[in-house]
């Protein structure tokens, strides 16, 4: 498989993940859980607040990375004549 074909396949798989309602529900649940826990911590509980803040940002980073793989696949599809669905 060529590099372009590999990127298209990876992009298609990333798109499938992002369209998966279970994945979306899990991300939303975790985001809400971490945010609510952060919101209800004492302002002087810096360690817990920072840990929860990092958790929320890691979730965003994961989604951004998967979106990047999908977009790279789309670009590879345009370059190579394939498509990411």
C-alpha atoms as a PDB file:
ATOM      1  CA  UNK A   1       0.000   0.000   0.000  1.00  0.00           C
ATOM      2  CA  UNK A   2       1.343   3.414  -0.929  1.00  0.00           C
ATOM      3  CA  UNK A   3       1.704   6.263   1.568  1.00  0.00           C
ATOM      4  CA  UNK A   4      -1.266   8.045   0.022  1.00  0.00           C
ATOM      5  CA  UNK A   5      -3.439   4.938   0.189  1.00  0.00           C
ATOM      6  CA  UNK A   6      -2.403   4.423   3.812  1.00  0.00           C
ATOM      7  CA  UNK A   7      -3.346   8.017   4.676  1.00  0.00           C
ATOM      8  CA  UNK A   8      -6.727   7.590   2.963  1.00  0.00           C
ATOM      9  CA  UNK A   9      -7.426   4.395   4.932  1.00  0.00           C
ATOM     10  CA  UNK A  10      -6.368   6.051   8.192  1.00  0.00           C
ATOM     11  CA  UNK A  11      -8.524   9.081   7.365  1.00  0.00           C
ATOM     12  CA  UNK A  12     -11.543   6.871   6.717  1.00  0.00           C
ATOM     13  CA  UNK A  13     -11.031   5.064  10.018  1.00  0.00           C
ATOM     14  CA  UNK A  14     -10.674   8.370  11.866  1.00  0.00           C
ATOM     15  CA  UNK A  15     -13.896   9.637  10.248  1.00  0.00           C
ATOM     16  CA  UNK A  16     -15.679   6.456  11.378  1.00  0.00           C
ATOM     17  CA  UNK A  17     -14.517   7.051  14.945  1.00  0.00           C
ATOM     18  CA  UNK A  18     -15.718  10.648  14.920  1.00  0.00           C
ATOM     19  CA  UNK A  19     -19.125   9.611  13.549  1.00  0.00           C
ATOM     20  CA  UNK A  20     -19.510   6.845  16.137  1.00  0.00           C
ATOM     21  CA  UNK A  21     -22.195   7.904  18.636  1.00  0.00           C
ATOM     22  CA  UNK A  22     -20.677   5.777  21.421  1.00  0.00           C
ATOM     23  CA  UNK A  23     -17.359   7.579  21.006  1.00  0.00           C
ATOM     24  CA  UNK A  24     -19.115  10.940  21.074  1.00  0.00           C
ATOM     25  CA  UNK A  25     -21.164   9.973  24.155  1.00  0.00           C
ATOM     26  CA  UNK A  26     -18.033   8.802  25.966  1.00  0.00           C
ATOM     27  CA  UNK A  27     -16.198  12.042  25.198  1.00  0.00           C
ATOM     28  CA  UNK A  28     -19.156  14.172  26.270  1.00  0.00           C
ATOM     29  CA  UNK A  29     -19.628  12.143  29.459  1.00  0.00           C
ATOM     30  CA  UNK A  30     -15.963  12.444  30.415  1.00  0.00           C
ATOM     31  CA  UNK A  31     -15.820  16.140  29.566  1.00  0.00           C
ATOM     32  CA  UNK A  32     -18.926  16.849  31.643  1.00  0.00           C
ATOM     33  CA  UNK A  33     -17.676  14.652  34.494  1.00  0.00           C
ATOM     34  CA  UNK A  34     -14.271  16.349  34.640  1.00  0.00           C
ATOM     35  CA  UNK A  35     -15.758  19.824  34.246  1.00  0.00           C
ATOM     36  CA  UNK A  36     -18.348  19.301  37.000  1.00  0.00           C
ATOM     37  CA  UNK A  37     -15.731  17.819  39.319  1.00  0.00           C
ATOM     38  CA  UNK A  38     -13.465  20.807  38.598  1.00  0.00           C
ATOM     39  CA  UNK A  39     -16.326  23.255  39.161  1.00  0.00           C
ATOM     40  CA  UNK A  40     -17.111  21.729  42.561  1.00  0.00           C
ATOM     41  CA  UNK A  41     -13.569  21.598  43.946  1.00  0.00           C
ATOM     42  CA  UNK A  42     -12.446  24.076  46.523  1.00  0.00           C
ATOM     43  CA  UNK A  43     -10.525  26.968  45.038  1.00  0.00           C
ATOM     44  CA  UNK A  44      -7.571  26.150  47.298  1.00  0.00           C
ATOM     45  CA  UNK A  45      -7.427  22.524  46.060  1.00  0.00           C
ATOM     46  CA  UNK A  46      -4.953  23.476  43.369  1.00  0.00           C
ATOM     47  CA  UNK A  47      -3.620  19.958  42.689  1.00  0.00           C
ATOM     48  CA  UNK A  48      -7.065  18.494  42.010  1.00  0.00           C
ATOM     49  CA  UNK A  49      -8.159  21.491  39.947  1.00  0.00           C
ATOM     50  CA  UNK A  50      -5.020  21.327  37.810  1.00  0.00           C
ATOM     51  CA  UNK A  51      -5.360  17.562  37.317  1.00  0.00           C
ATOM     52  CA  UNK A  52      -8.961  17.967  36.153  1.00  0.00           C
ATOM     53  CA  UNK A  53      -8.027  20.895  33.903  1.00  0.00           C
ATOM     54  CA  UNK A  54      -5.352  18.742  32.269  1.00  0.00           C
ATOM     55  CA  UNK A  55      -7.845  15.874  31.820  1.00  0.00           C
ATOM     56  CA  UNK A  56     -10.280  18.160  30.010  1.00  0.00           C
ATOM     57  CA  UNK A  57      -7.506  19.429  27.741  1.00  0.00           C
ATOM     58  CA  UNK A  58      -6.265  15.911  26.983  1.00  0.00           C
ATOM     59  CA  UNK A  59      -9.759  14.999  25.780  1.00  0.00           C
ATOM     60  CA  UNK A  60      -9.666  17.980  23.433  1.00  0.00           C
ATOM     61  CA  UNK A  61      -6.188  16.963  22.240  1.00  0.00           C
ATOM     62  CA  UNK A  62      -7.365  13.430  21.447  1.00  0.00           C
ATOM     63  CA  UNK A  63     -10.315  14.678  19.399  1.00  0.00           C
ATOM     64  CA  UNK A  64      -8.092  17.199  17.603  1.00  0.00           C
ATOM     65  CA  UNK A  65      -5.585  14.471  16.746  1.00  0.00           C
ATOM     66  CA  UNK A  66      -8.279  12.194  15.312  1.00  0.00           C
ATOM     67  CA  UNK A  67      -9.670  15.117  13.295  1.00  0.00           C
ATOM     68  CA  UNK A  68      -6.156  15.793  11.999  1.00  0.00           C
ATOM     69  CA  UNK A  69      -5.788  12.176  10.827  1.00  0.00           C
ATOM     70  CA  UNK A  70      -9.167  12.438   9.090  1.00  0.00           C
ATOM     71  CA  UNK A  71      -8.217  15.715   7.393  1.00  0.00           C
ATOM     72  CA  UNK A  72      -4.852  14.324   6.299  1.00  0.00           C
ATOM     73  CA  UNK A  73      -6.739  11.433   4.726  1.00  0.00           C
ATOM     74  CA  UNK A  74      -9.043  13.849   2.921  1.00  0.00           C
ATOM     75  CA  UNK A  75      -6.064  15.735   1.516  1.00  0.00           C
ATOM     76  CA  UNK A  76      -4.399  12.475   0.484  1.00  0.00           C
ATOM     77  CA  UNK A  77      -7.628  11.455  -1.225  1.00  0.00           C
ATOM     78  CA  UNK A  78      -7.695  14.688  -3.191  1.00  0.00           C
ATOM     79  CA  UNK A  79      -4.039  14.236  -4.119  1.00  0.00           C
ATOM     80  CA  UNK A  80      -4.370  10.594  -5.036  1.00  0.00           C
ATOM     81  CA  UNK A  81      -7.842  10.542  -6.516  1.00  0.00           C
ATOM     82  CA  UNK A  82      -9.405   8.629  -3.596  1.00  0.00           C
ATOM     83  CA  UNK A  83     -11.819   9.885  -0.992  1.00  0.00           C
ATOM     84  CA  UNK A  84     -12.388   9.901   2.729  1.00  0.00           C
ATOM     85  CA  UNK A  85     -16.006   9.160   3.525  1.00  0.00           C
END
